[in-house]
Amino acid sequence: MSATTIKISKATHERLLKIGKKEEDFDEIVQRLLTFYEAYSSSDIDRVHALHASLKPVAAQLVNAVRMAQHGYAKTPLELSPQLVKFIDSIAEGI
């Protein structure tokens, strides 16, 4: 195999070392990262972003409905576990 030299920062070098497996050289690390990147191409990333954008309004409606129920503005009372309340709060922060 012919080799070439590339300049990377010390921080990038350290990150590659952390990603690498024992006895794996930098070419193998980069090959593995490229394979992963190609498997999850930008079109996949675009689909994830589109899904996230489409779910955002639904999440907002869910948070609003739960908040109204918690404050007694719903037709039926709603009892939520503390874990579910924490989860709904985390959704609300991301909206």
Protein backbone atom coordinates (compact mmCIF):
# COMPACT_ATOMS: atom_id res chain seq x y z
CA MET A 1 0.00 0.00 0.00
CA SER A 2 1.35 3.40 -0.88
CA ALA A 3 1.09 6.00 1.87
CA THR A 4 0.63 9.73 2.04
CA THR A 5 0.85 12.25 4.83
CA ILE A 6 -2.02 14.42 5.95
CA LYS A 7 -1.92 17.22 8.48
CA ILE A 8 -4.36 16.98 11.36
CA SER A 9 -4.53 18.87 14.61
CA LYS A 10 -3.39 17.29 17.85
CA ALA A 11 -7.03 17.33 19.02
CA THR A 12 -8.13 15.38 15.91
CA HIS A 13 -5.24 12.96 16.44
CA GLU A 14 -6.42 12.34 20.02
CA ARG A 15 -10.02 11.83 18.87
CA LEU A 16 -8.90 9.27 16.30
CA LEU A 17 -6.90 7.46 18.97
CA LYS A 18 -10.03 7.24 21.15
CA ILE A 19 -12.09 5.89 18.24
CA GLY A 20 -9.47 3.35 17.24
CA LYS A 21 -9.41 -0.20 18.44
CA LYS A 22 -6.34 -1.83 19.96
CA GLU A 23 -3.70 -2.55 17.29
CA GLU A 24 -5.67 -0.56 14.68
CA ASP A 25 -3.65 1.91 12.63
CA PHE A 26 -4.91 5.31 11.49
CA ASP A 27 -5.68 4.08 7.97
CA GLU A 28 -7.97 1.41 9.40
CA ILE A 29 -9.66 3.96 11.68
CA VAL A 30 -10.27 6.35 8.79
CA GLN A 31 -11.51 3.51 6.56
CA ARG A 32 -14.00 2.48 9.24
CA LEU A 33 -15.21 6.07 9.67
CA LEU A 34 -15.61 6.49 5.90
CA THR A 35 -17.56 3.24 5.64
CA PHE A 36 -19.86 4.40 8.44
CA TYR A 37 -20.29 7.82 6.80
CA GLU A 38 -21.11 6.27 3.43
CA ALA A 39 -23.62 3.89 5.02
CA TYR A 40 -25.39 6.83 6.64
CA SER A 41 -25.15 9.31 3.80
CA SER A 42 -26.46 12.85 3.78
CA SER A 43 -29.77 11.66 2.29
CA ASP A 44 -30.35 9.63 5.45
CA ILE A 45 -29.47 12.64 7.57
CA ASP A 46 -31.88 14.77 5.53
CA ARG A 47 -34.64 12.20 6.18
CA VAL A 48 -33.95 12.32 9.92
CA HIS A 49 -34.13 16.13 9.89
CA ALA A 50 -37.39 16.01 7.91
CA LEU A 51 -38.87 13.50 10.36
CA HIS A 52 -37.82 15.67 13.29
CA ALA A 53 -39.41 18.74 11.67
CA SER A 54 -42.65 16.86 11.00
CA LEU A 55 -42.85 15.59 14.59
CA LYS A 56 -42.19 18.96 16.19
CA PRO A 57 -45.80 20.26 15.81
CA VAL A 58 -47.18 16.96 17.10
CA ALA A 59 -44.88 17.14 20.12
CA ALA A 60 -46.04 20.72 20.77
CA GLN A 61 -49.68 19.60 20.65
CA LEU A 62 -48.93 16.74 23.05
CA VAL A 63 -47.19 19.06 25.50
CA ASN A 64 -50.05 21.57 25.33
CA ALA A 65 -52.70 18.87 25.85
CA VAL A 66 -50.88 17.45 28.85
CA ARG A 67 -50.36 20.89 30.37
CA MET A 68 -54.07 21.71 29.97
CA ALA A 69 -55.02 18.40 31.57
CA GLN A 70 -52.64 18.99 34.45
CA HIS A 71 -54.27 22.34 35.15
CA GLY A 72 -57.80 20.94 35.03
CA TYR A 73 -58.81 22.26 31.61
CA ALA A 74 -59.44 18.81 30.15
CA LYS A 75 -62.73 16.88 30.14
CA THR A 76 -61.13 13.96 31.98
CA PRO A 77 -58.61 14.17 34.80
CA LEU A 78 -55.08 13.12 33.97
CA GLU A 79 -52.64 11.56 36.40
CA LEU A 80 -49.05 11.34 35.23
CA SER A 81 -46.12 9.54 36.75
CA PRO A 82 -43.14 11.73 37.68
CA GLN A 83 -41.11 9.98 34.96
CA LEU A 84 -43.66 10.89 32.31
CA VAL A 85 -43.79 14.50 33.51
CA LYS A 86 -39.98 14.65 33.27
CA PHE A 87 -40.14 13.20 29.74
CA ILE A 88 -42.80 15.71 28.65
CA ASP A 89 -40.74 18.53 30.11
CA SER A 90 -37.74 17.37 28.08
CA ILE A 91 -39.91 17.40 24.93
CA ALA A 92 -41.12 20.90 25.76
CA GLU A 93 -37.54 22.14 26.11
CA GLY A 94 -36.71 20.84 22.64
CA ILE A 95 -39.62 22.57 20.91
